């Protein structure tokens, strides 16, 4: 009996060991493991050297991938699954680009990492493990990234969508997706007008400047092709939840929206669009696959990541505030980029509307039209106030900030464009 019990214990122990290296996923341990909140506090980096290559380390419920000796090691932290069809998958495509196009580099990732304490634990474990560069790809990873960067000055940590940096090994990275959402708004307005509708929907995730900025850019684009159209909003308070996203999209369609655009991770609006209605997807160029999808505003992270990794290895990268526009090659509008074919619901739109989209995109790709042109006055909010006077544009701190959160912005981003019918979200 003792031998049988011993054998069973060995089998169970072996079943719990999961390795994650060579760009493969770092899986989560079974739910029966001790929750992250009960794990002992990790010692500072000086008290424990990086573990040998080829070994994995457990950080709470997460398996930390191993580095590869002799290579420049790059890690990615994802808030959702690596194949979510949206935000995290776009980053994972970028990770694969780095591995395939930058010499002598090893990449790995940890997925489904909760924002907050879990994120700090995972990022710290990756730094202790010996990774040279860590990309943390969710707004809620900002404080955790800053904390770990200050503990590990020799590790470069790049945080996406936030606003903090230390000028040394901790930086902020974001792209002007408002460019693409502005163009998508033109398409949505043109489609609604063609269908005899004046209602459009927007699924928003969290009440942060990014979401109001992207919603307002979408609404400004709509005004260009459908001045009479109105935009309704549904807040879902999650980045990735297929069920919640579909419920929000269905709610907007049921309320009369002809087109629904999302700020979340899955292609839910296109998947649940009733016959004769349309969805606009986000983040990943491969998620606009059903006929009801008009377009997808997507990220092309590979070249952006590759340059940062090469600069990091050369010792020339410094953590600051990097914010790229469409001329960087890091942004795309599905159906309008080289080699892409328009979706059926777009190809049949009026020529003048398509020419407006194509012409504006061409200027964006040449660097002649930027995010500051998207937010150039006159712009009026839905309370009748002039937000941006004629001839003026928002500044970067306005695009990024809420004064309520201590931003030095002057105009800031706590407003809705005049064609949005929703109330402003409560800030906490």
Protein backbone atom coordinates (compact mmCIF):
# COMPACT_ATOMS: atom_id res chain seq x y z
CA UNK A 1 0.00 0.00 0.00
CA UNK A 2 2.82 2.45 0.90
CA UNK A 3 4.46 1.77 -2.46
CA UNK A 4 1.19 2.42 -4.28
CA UNK A 5 0.63 5.69 -2.41
CA UNK A 6 4.21 6.76 -3.09
CA UNK A 7 3.84 5.97 -6.76
CA UNK A 8 0.62 7.96 -6.97
CA UNK A 9 2.28 10.96 -5.31
CA UNK A 10 5.10 10.85 -7.85
CA UNK A 11 2.63 10.72 -10.75
CA UNK A 12 0.67 13.69 -9.38
CA UNK A 13 3.87 15.68 -8.85
CA UNK A 14 5.03 15.02 -12.39
CA UNK A 15 1.63 16.02 -13.78
CA UNK A 16 1.93 19.44 -12.19
CA UNK A 17 5.24 20.27 -13.85
CA UNK A 18 4.74 22.29 -17.02
CA UNK A 19 7.60 23.87 -18.89
CA UNK A 20 7.27 27.00 -21.02
CA UNK A 21 10.20 28.07 -23.16
CA UNK A 22 11.20 28.64 -26.77
CA UNK A 23 8.27 31.02 -27.32
CA UNK A 24 5.68 28.55 -26.04
CA UNK A 25 2.91 29.39 -23.64
CA UNK A 26 3.46 29.60 -19.91
CA UNK A 27 0.42 27.76 -18.66
CA UNK A 28 -1.46 28.24 -15.44
CA UNK A 29 -1.21 25.67 -12.69
CA UNK A 30 -4.38 23.80 -11.60
CA UNK A 31 -6.88 25.69 -9.45
CA UNK A 32 -6.16 23.41 -6.50
CA UNK A 33 -2.79 25.06 -6.02
CA UNK A 34 -2.30 27.64 -3.32
CA UNK A 35 -3.76 30.99 -4.48
CA UNK A 36 -1.33 33.78 -5.28
CA UNK A 37 -2.41 35.84 -2.28
CA UNK A 38 -1.19 33.08 0.05
CA UNK A 39 2.22 32.66 -1.53
CA UNK A 40 5.21 33.76 0.55
CA UNK A 41 6.63 37.17 -0.35
CA UNK A 42 9.44 36.92 -2.88
CA UNK A 43 12.89 38.00 -1.74
CA UNK A 44 14.65 40.93 -3.42
CA UNK A 45 16.66 40.09 -6.53
CA UNK A 46 19.94 40.41 -4.67
CA UNK A 47 19.00 37.51 -2.41
CA UNK A 48 18.34 35.01 -5.18
CA UNK A 49 20.26 34.70 -8.45
CA UNK A 50 18.57 33.83 -11.72
CA UNK A 51 17.87 30.12 -12.01
CA UNK A 52 19.75 28.03 -14.57
CA UNK A 53 18.41 27.90 -18.12
CA UNK A 54 15.99 25.10 -18.84
CA UNK A 55 14.26 25.25 -15.44
CA UNK A 56 10.86 26.73 -14.73
CA UNK A 57 9.79 28.62 -11.65
CA UNK A 58 6.32 28.90 -10.16
CA UNK A 59 4.98 32.37 -9.30
CA UNK A 60 1.72 31.78 -7.48
CA UNK A 61 -0.54 30.03 -9.99
CA UNK A 62 1.70 30.91 -12.97
CA UNK A 63 4.58 28.98 -14.50
CA UNK A 64 7.52 31.25 -15.36
CA UNK A 65 9.32 30.24 -18.58
CA UNK A 66 13.05 29.64 -18.71
CA UNK A 67 15.63 31.78 -20.45
CA UNK A 68 18.05 30.43 -23.06
CA UNK A 69 21.69 30.98 -22.23
CA UNK A 70 23.67 32.86 -24.88
CA UNK A 71 20.57 34.55 -26.29
CA UNK A 72 18.90 37.89 -25.63
CA UNK A 73 15.79 36.89 -23.69
CA UNK A 74 12.50 38.74 -24.16
CA UNK A 75 9.29 38.05 -22.20
CA UNK A 76 5.70 39.17 -22.76
CA UNK A 77 2.93 39.36 -20.17
CA UNK A 78 -0.64 39.04 -21.53
CA UNK A 79 -3.90 39.91 -19.79
CA UNK A 80 -5.85 37.42 -21.93
CA UNK A 81 -5.12 34.16 -23.75
CA UNK A 82 -2.48 34.37 -26.47
CA UNK A 83 -5.05 33.27 -29.08
CA UNK A 84 -7.94 35.51 -28.02
CA UNK A 85 -8.56 36.80 -31.55
CA UNK A 86 -7.82 40.32 -30.36
CA UNK A 87 -5.41 42.34 -28.21
CA UNK A 88 -3.24 39.55 -26.79
CA UNK A 89 -3.08 37.64 -30.06
CA UNK A 90 -1.88 40.77 -31.87
CA UNK A 91 0.93 41.03 -29.31
CA UNK A 92 1.76 37.37 -29.71
CA UNK A 93 2.05 37.80 -33.47
CA UNK A 94 4.47 40.63 -32.68
CA UNK A 95 6.42 38.33 -30.35
CA UNK A 96 6.73 35.74 -33.09
CA UNK A 97 7.96 38.44 -35.48
CA UNK A 98 10.74 39.33 -33.03
CA UNK A 99 11.83 35.72 -32.68
CA UNK A 100 11.87 35.22 -36.44
CA UNK A 101 13.48 38.51 -37.46
CA UNK A 102 15.92 39.49 -34.72
CA UNK A 103 19.11 37.45 -34.52
CA UNK A 104 19.95 35.39 -31.45
CA UNK A 105 16.77 36.23 -29.53
CA UNK A 106 14.61 33.95 -27.42
CA UNK A 107 11.04 34.94 -26.57
CA UNK A 108 8.43 33.56 -24.18
CA UNK A 109 5.14 34.68 -22.65
CA UNK A 110 2.86 34.28 -19.66
CA UNK A 111 -0.84 34.62 -20.41
CA UNK A 112 -4.04 35.31 -18.47
CA UNK A 113 -2.17 37.33 -15.84
CA UNK A 114 -4.53 39.27 -13.59
CA UNK A 115 -3.82 42.97 -13.11
CA UNK A 116 -2.53 44.00 -9.68
CA UNK A 117 -0.64 41.74 -7.28
CA UNK A 118 -0.50 38.79 -9.68
CA UNK A 119 1.09 40.93 -12.37
CA UNK A 120 3.77 42.23 -10.01
CA UNK A 121 4.59 38.69 -8.92
CA UNK A 122 4.90 37.47 -12.52
CA UNK A 123 6.95 40.45 -13.73
CA UNK A 124 9.33 40.17 -10.77
CA UNK A 125 9.75 36.44 -11.38
CA UNK A 126 10.59 37.03 -15.04
CA UNK A 127 13.20 39.62 -14.04
CA UNK A 128 14.71 37.26 -11.46
CA UNK A 129 14.72 34.50 -14.02
CA UNK A 130 17.08 36.50 -16.19
CA UNK A 131 14.95 38.01 -18.96
CA UNK A 132 16.61 41.07 -20.51
CA UNK A 133 13.43 42.78 -21.76
CA UNK A 134 9.87 42.44 -20.47
CA UNK A 135 6.83 43.81 -22.32
CA UNK A 136 3.78 44.21 -20.06
CA UNK A 137 0.76 44.58 -22.29
CA UNK A 138 -2.16 45.91 -20.24
CA UNK A 139 -2.99 49.27 -18.67
CA UNK A 140 -3.47 47.66 -15.26
CA UNK A 141 0.14 46.39 -15.23
CA UNK A 142 1.52 49.93 -14.97
CA UNK A 143 2.24 50.22 -11.24
CA UNK A 144 3.56 46.65 -11.04
CA UNK A 145 5.89 47.33 -13.98
CA UNK A 146 7.21 50.48 -12.34
CA UNK A 147 7.85 48.72 -9.04
CA UNK A 148 9.79 45.84 -10.60
CA UNK A 149 11.74 48.14 -12.93
CA UNK A 150 13.02 50.08 -9.94
CA UNK A 151 14.14 46.82 -8.29
CA UNK A 152 15.92 45.52 -11.44
CA UNK A 153 17.76 48.41 -13.12
CA UNK A 154 19.45 46.06 -15.61
CA UNK A 155 16.13 44.79 -16.99
CA UNK A 156 14.28 46.92 -19.55
CA UNK A 157 10.54 46.94 -18.89
CA UNK A 158 8.18 48.40 -21.48
CA UNK A 159 4.59 48.97 -20.41
CA UNK A 160 1.77 49.43 -22.90
CA UNK A 161 -1.09 51.94 -22.79
CA UNK A 162 -0.16 53.65 -19.52
CA UNK A 163 1.58 56.94 -18.81
CA UNK A 164 4.52 56.26 -16.45
CA UNK A 165 8.26 56.06 -17.22
CA UNK A 166 11.52 56.59 -15.30
CA UNK A 167 13.80 57.75 -18.10
CA UNK A 168 16.05 54.72 -17.68
CA UNK A 169 14.85 51.13 -17.78
CA UNK A 170 11.08 51.68 -17.55
CA UNK A 171 9.15 53.15 -20.45
CA UNK A 172 5.69 53.58 -21.86
CA UNK A 173 4.61 52.48 -25.35
CA UNK A 174 1.41 53.19 -27.23
CA UNK A 175 0.24 53.85 -30.76
CA UNK A 176 -2.32 56.28 -32.13
CA UNK A 177 -5.12 53.80 -32.68
CA UNK A 178 -7.35 56.86 -32.70
CA UNK A 179 -6.13 57.25 -36.31
CA UNK A 180 -7.69 53.94 -37.35
CA UNK A 181 -10.80 54.38 -35.20
CA UNK A 182 -11.37 57.75 -36.85
CA UNK A 183 -11.32 56.02 -40.25
CA UNK A 184 -13.52 53.19 -38.97
CA UNK A 185 -15.99 55.85 -37.82
CA UNK A 186 -16.15 57.16 -41.39
CA UNK A 187 -17.00 53.65 -42.60
CA UNK A 188 -19.59 53.13 -39.86
CA UNK A 189 -21.26 56.44 -40.66
CA UNK A 190 -21.28 55.69 -44.38
CA UNK A 191 -22.77 52.24 -43.79
CA UNK A 192 -25.49 53.51 -41.43
CA UNK A 193 -26.41 56.31 -43.84
CA UNK A 194 -26.61 53.84 -46.72
CA UNK A 195 -28.88 51.60 -44.61
CA UNK A 196 -31.17 54.50 -43.72
CA UNK A 197 -30.14 54.39 -40.04
CA UNK A 198 -28.81 57.07 -37.72
CA UNK A 199 -27.77 54.85 -34.78
CA UNK A 200 -24.30 53.40 -34.10
CA UNK A 201 -22.92 51.60 -31.02
CA UNK A 202 -19.61 51.53 -29.13
CA UNK A 203 -18.51 48.91 -26.58
CA UNK A 204 -16.14 50.49 -24.03
CA UNK A 205 -14.03 48.59 -21.50
CA UNK A 206 -12.89 50.75 -18.57
CA UNK A 207 -13.33 54.49 -17.85
CA UNK A 208 -9.74 55.45 -18.67
CA UNK A 209 -8.51 58.18 -21.06
CA UNK A 210 -7.71 55.60 -23.74
CA UNK A 211 -11.31 54.45 -24.02
CA UNK A 212 -12.80 57.94 -24.17
CA UNK A 213 -10.11 58.99 -26.65
CA UNK A 214 -10.85 56.06 -28.97
CA UNK A 215 -14.61 56.47 -28.62
CA UNK A 216 -14.37 60.16 -29.41
CA UNK A 217 -12.13 59.52 -32.43
CA UNK A 218 -14.68 57.00 -33.73
CA UNK A 219 -17.48 59.53 -33.20
CA UNK A 220 -15.53 62.30 -34.98
CA UNK A 221 -15.07 59.99 -37.97
CA UNK A 222 -18.78 59.21 -38.02
CA UNK A 223 -19.56 62.93 -38.25
CA UNK A 224 -17.59 63.13 -41.50
CA UNK A 225 -19.90 60.75 -43.37
CA UNK A 226 -23.11 60.83 -41.31
CA UNK A 227 -23.55 64.16 -39.49
CA UNK A 228 -26.99 63.13 -38.24
CA UNK A 229 -25.83 59.81 -36.72
CA UNK A 230 -25.80 59.29 -32.94
CA UNK A 231 -23.57 56.95 -30.94
CA UNK A 232 -24.70 54.88 -27.95
CA UNK A 233 -22.20 53.34 -25.47
CA UNK A 234 -22.11 50.19 -23.32
CA UNK A 235 -19.47 49.86 -20.57
CA UNK A 236 -18.40 46.28 -19.87
CA UNK A 237 -15.53 46.71 -17.34
CA UNK A 238 -13.43 43.90 -18.79
CA UNK A 239 -10.80 43.56 -21.50
CA UNK A 240 -11.64 40.02 -22.45
CA UNK A 241 -14.92 38.24 -21.76
CA UNK A 242 -16.57 36.77 -24.87
CA UNK A 243 -19.95 36.35 -23.18
CA UNK A 244 -20.10 39.87 -21.76
CA UNK A 245 -18.88 41.35 -25.05
CA UNK A 246 -21.58 39.53 -27.02
CA UNK A 247 -24.26 40.62 -24.54
CA UNK A 248 -23.15 44.25 -24.86
CA UNK A 249 -23.12 44.06 -28.66
CA UNK A 250 -26.56 42.45 -28.71
CA UNK A 251 -27.87 45.14 -26.37
CA UNK A 252 -26.70 47.86 -28.75
CA UNK A 253 -28.17 46.10 -31.78
CA UNK A 254 -31.46 45.58 -29.93
CA UNK A 255 -31.49 49.31 -29.14
CA UNK A 256 -31.37 50.06 -32.85
CA UNK A 257 -27.67 50.36 -33.68
CA UNK A 258 -26.90 49.60 -37.32
CA UNK A 259 -23.14 49.24 -36.72
CA UNK A 260 -21.35 48.33 -33.46
CA UNK A 261 -17.64 48.92 -32.84
CA UNK A 262 -15.72 47.41 -29.92
CA UNK A 263 -12.87 48.48 -27.70
CA UNK A 264 -12.53 44.97 -26.22
CA UNK A 265 -10.66 41.87 -27.35
CA UNK A 266 -13.03 39.53 -29.17
CA UNK A 267 -14.83 39.95 -32.51
CA UNK A 268 -18.18 39.86 -30.68
CA UNK A 269 -19.99 42.65 -32.62
CA UNK A 270 -19.46 40.92 -35.96
CA UNK A 271 -20.31 37.49 -34.54
CA UNK A 272 -23.70 38.50 -33.09
CA UNK A 273 -24.74 41.09 -35.69
CA UNK A 274 -28.30 40.34 -36.89
CA UNK A 275 -28.86 40.03 -40.62
CA UNK A 276 -28.53 43.42 -42.26
CA UNK A 277 -26.43 44.87 -39.43
CA UNK A 278 -22.68 45.17 -39.00
CA UNK A 279 -19.79 44.84 -36.57
CA UNK A 280 -16.34 46.42 -36.47
CA UNK A 281 -13.67 44.35 -34.72
CA UNK A 282 -10.44 45.45 -33.08
CA UNK A 283 -6.78 44.67 -32.38
CA UNK A 284 -6.03 41.67 -34.62
CA UNK A 285 -6.12 41.66 -38.42
CA UNK A 286 -7.25 38.04 -38.54
CA UNK A 287 -10.54 38.52 -36.68
CA UNK A 288 -12.62 40.15 -39.45
CA UNK A 289 -13.71 36.88 -41.01
CA UNK A 290 -17.51 36.87 -41.11
CA UNK A 291 -19.52 38.75 -43.77
CA UNK A 292 -21.07 41.01 -41.11
CA UNK A 293 -17.63 42.43 -40.26
CA UNK A 294 -16.99 45.77 -41.97
CA UNK A 295 -13.35 46.15 -40.94
CA UNK A 296 -10.89 45.68 -38.08
CA UNK A 297 -8.60 48.35 -36.66
CA UNK A 298 -5.48 46.34 -35.91
CA UNK A 299 -1.98 46.50 -34.47
CA UNK A 300 1.22 45.46 -36.22
CA UNK A 301 3.49 45.23 -33.17
CA UNK A 302 6.30 43.18 -34.74
CA UNK A 303 8.46 45.96 -36.26
CA UNK A 304 7.89 48.19 -33.21
CA UNK A 305 8.95 45.44 -30.81
CA UNK A 306 11.92 44.39 -32.95
CA UNK A 307 13.39 47.90 -32.90
CA UNK A 308 13.01 48.20 -29.13
CA UNK A 309 14.68 44.82 -28.56
CA UNK A 310 17.58 45.71 -30.84
CA UNK A 311 18.00 49.11 -29.13
CA UNK A 312 17.85 47.45 -25.72
CA UNK A 313 20.59 44.97 -26.63
CA UNK A 314 22.70 47.83 -28.01
CA UNK A 315 22.24 49.76 -24.79
CA UNK A 316 20.64 52.72 -26.58
CA UNK A 317 17.03 52.27 -25.40
CA UNK A 318 15.88 54.63 -22.65
CA UNK A 319 12.52 54.39 -20.98
CA UNK A 320 10.39 57.33 -22.02
CA UNK A 321 7.04 57.97 -23.66
CA UNK A 322 6.89 56.44 -27.13
CA UNK A 323 3.66 57.10 -29.02
CA UNK A 324 3.65 56.19 -32.71
CA UNK A 325 1.30 57.19 -35.52
CA UNK A 326 0.21 55.36 -38.67
CA UNK A 327 3.39 56.25 -40.58
CA UNK A 328 5.31 53.88 -38.28
CA UNK A 329 3.74 50.84 -39.92
CA UNK A 330 2.38 49.76 -36.54
CA UNK A 331 -1.32 50.37 -37.33
CA UNK A 332 -3.74 48.98 -39.90
CA UNK A 333 -7.32 49.21 -41.16
CA UNK A 334 -8.40 45.86 -42.53
CA UNK A 335 -9.38 45.92 -46.20
CA UNK A 336 -7.41 49.09 -46.93
CA UNK A 337 -3.79 48.06 -46.41
CA UNK A 338 -1.59 46.68 -49.17
CA UNK A 339 -2.68 43.21 -50.30
CA UNK A 340 -5.99 43.28 -48.42
CA UNK A 341 -9.48 43.05 -49.91
CA UNK A 342 -12.42 45.10 -48.69
CA UNK A 343 -15.20 43.31 -46.87
CA UNK A 344 -18.51 43.07 -48.81
CA UNK A 345 -20.29 45.58 -46.57
CA UNK A 346 -17.58 48.14 -47.26
CA UNK A 347 -16.93 47.54 -50.97
CA UNK A 348 -20.49 48.61 -51.82
CA UNK A 349 -20.33 51.96 -49.98
CA UNK A 350 -20.59 55.21 -51.96
CA UNK A 351 -17.43 56.13 -53.85
CA UNK A 352 -17.13 59.54 -52.21
CA UNK A 353 -17.09 57.97 -48.75
CA UNK A 354 -14.50 55.37 -49.73
CA UNK A 355 -12.38 58.06 -51.36
CA UNK A 356 -12.47 60.06 -48.12
CA UNK A 357 -11.26 57.04 -46.13
CA UNK A 358 -8.56 56.14 -48.67
CA UNK A 359 -7.36 59.70 -49.00
CA UNK A 360 -7.14 60.26 -45.24
CA UNK A 361 -5.37 56.92 -44.74
CA UNK A 362 -2.85 57.81 -47.45
CA UNK A 363 -2.05 61.05 -45.64
CA UNK A 364 -1.70 59.15 -42.35
CA UNK A 365 0.74 56.65 -43.84
CA UNK A 366 2.81 59.53 -45.22
CA UNK A 367 2.88 61.29 -41.85
CA UNK A 368 0.79 64.16 -43.18
CA UNK A 369 -2.22 63.48 -40.91
CA UNK A 370 -1.68 62.48 -37.25
CA UNK A 371 -3.63 62.00 -34.05
CA UNK A 372 -3.44 65.75 -33.47
CA UNK A 373 -5.30 66.28 -36.75
CA UNK A 374 -8.00 63.84 -35.62
CA UNK A 375 -8.53 66.05 -32.57
CA UNK A 376 -8.32 69.41 -34.31
CA UNK A 377 -11.01 71.97 -33.55
CA UNK A 378 -13.67 72.99 -33.65
CA UNK A 379 -14.87 70.12 -31.46
CA UNK A 380 -17.99 70.38 -29.32
CA UNK A 381 -19.00 68.02 -26.49
CA UNK A 382 -22.47 66.57 -25.94
CA UNK A 383 -23.24 69.28 -23.38
CA UNK A 384 -22.92 72.00 -26.00
CA UNK A 385 -19.48 73.22 -24.90
CA UNK A 386 -16.63 74.02 -27.28
CA UNK A 387 -13.92 71.56 -26.18
CA UNK A 388 -11.33 72.42 -28.81
CA UNK A 389 -11.60 75.84 -30.48
CA UNK A 390 -11.19 76.15 -34.24
CA UNK A 391 -7.57 76.07 -35.33
CA UNK A 392 -6.36 74.37 -32.14
CA UNK A 393 -5.54 70.72 -31.42
CA UNK A 394 -5.35 68.59 -28.32
CA UNK A 395 -1.86 68.03 -26.91
CA UNK A 396 -0.47 64.65 -25.94
CA UNK A 397 -1.18 65.18 -22.25
CA UNK A 398 -4.80 65.95 -23.18
CA UNK A 399 -5.10 62.69 -25.12
CA UNK A 400 -3.64 60.73 -22.20
CA UNK A 401 -5.06 62.38 -19.11
CA UNK A 402 -7.86 63.01 -16.67
CA UNK A 403 -7.35 66.08 -14.51
CA UNK A 404 -9.23 64.16 -11.80
CA UNK A 405 -6.31 61.71 -11.67
CA UNK A 406 -3.68 64.43 -11.33
CA UNK A 407 -2.73 64.85 -15.00
CA UNK A 408 -1.16 68.20 -16.01
CA UNK A 409 -3.48 68.25 -19.05
CA UNK A 410 -5.36 71.45 -19.86
CA UNK A 411 -8.36 70.24 -21.89
CA UNK A 412 -7.98 66.55 -20.96
CA UNK A 413 -10.10 63.64 -22.19
CA UNK A 414 -13.06 63.60 -19.83
CA UNK A 415 -15.74 64.52 -22.37
CA UNK A 416 -17.90 62.89 -25.02
CA UNK A 417 -18.17 64.21 -28.56
CA UNK A 418 -21.45 65.94 -29.41
CA UNK A 419 -22.91 62.97 -31.32
CA UNK A 420 -22.48 60.53 -28.39
CA UNK A 421 -25.71 60.16 -26.41
CA UNK A 422 -24.19 58.49 -23.32
CA UNK A 423 -23.33 60.19 -20.04
CA UNK A 424 -19.72 60.42 -18.94
CA UNK A 425 -18.53 57.45 -16.87
CA UNK A 426 -18.05 57.90 -13.15
CA UNK A 427 -14.36 58.06 -12.23
CA UNK A 428 -13.10 56.18 -9.19
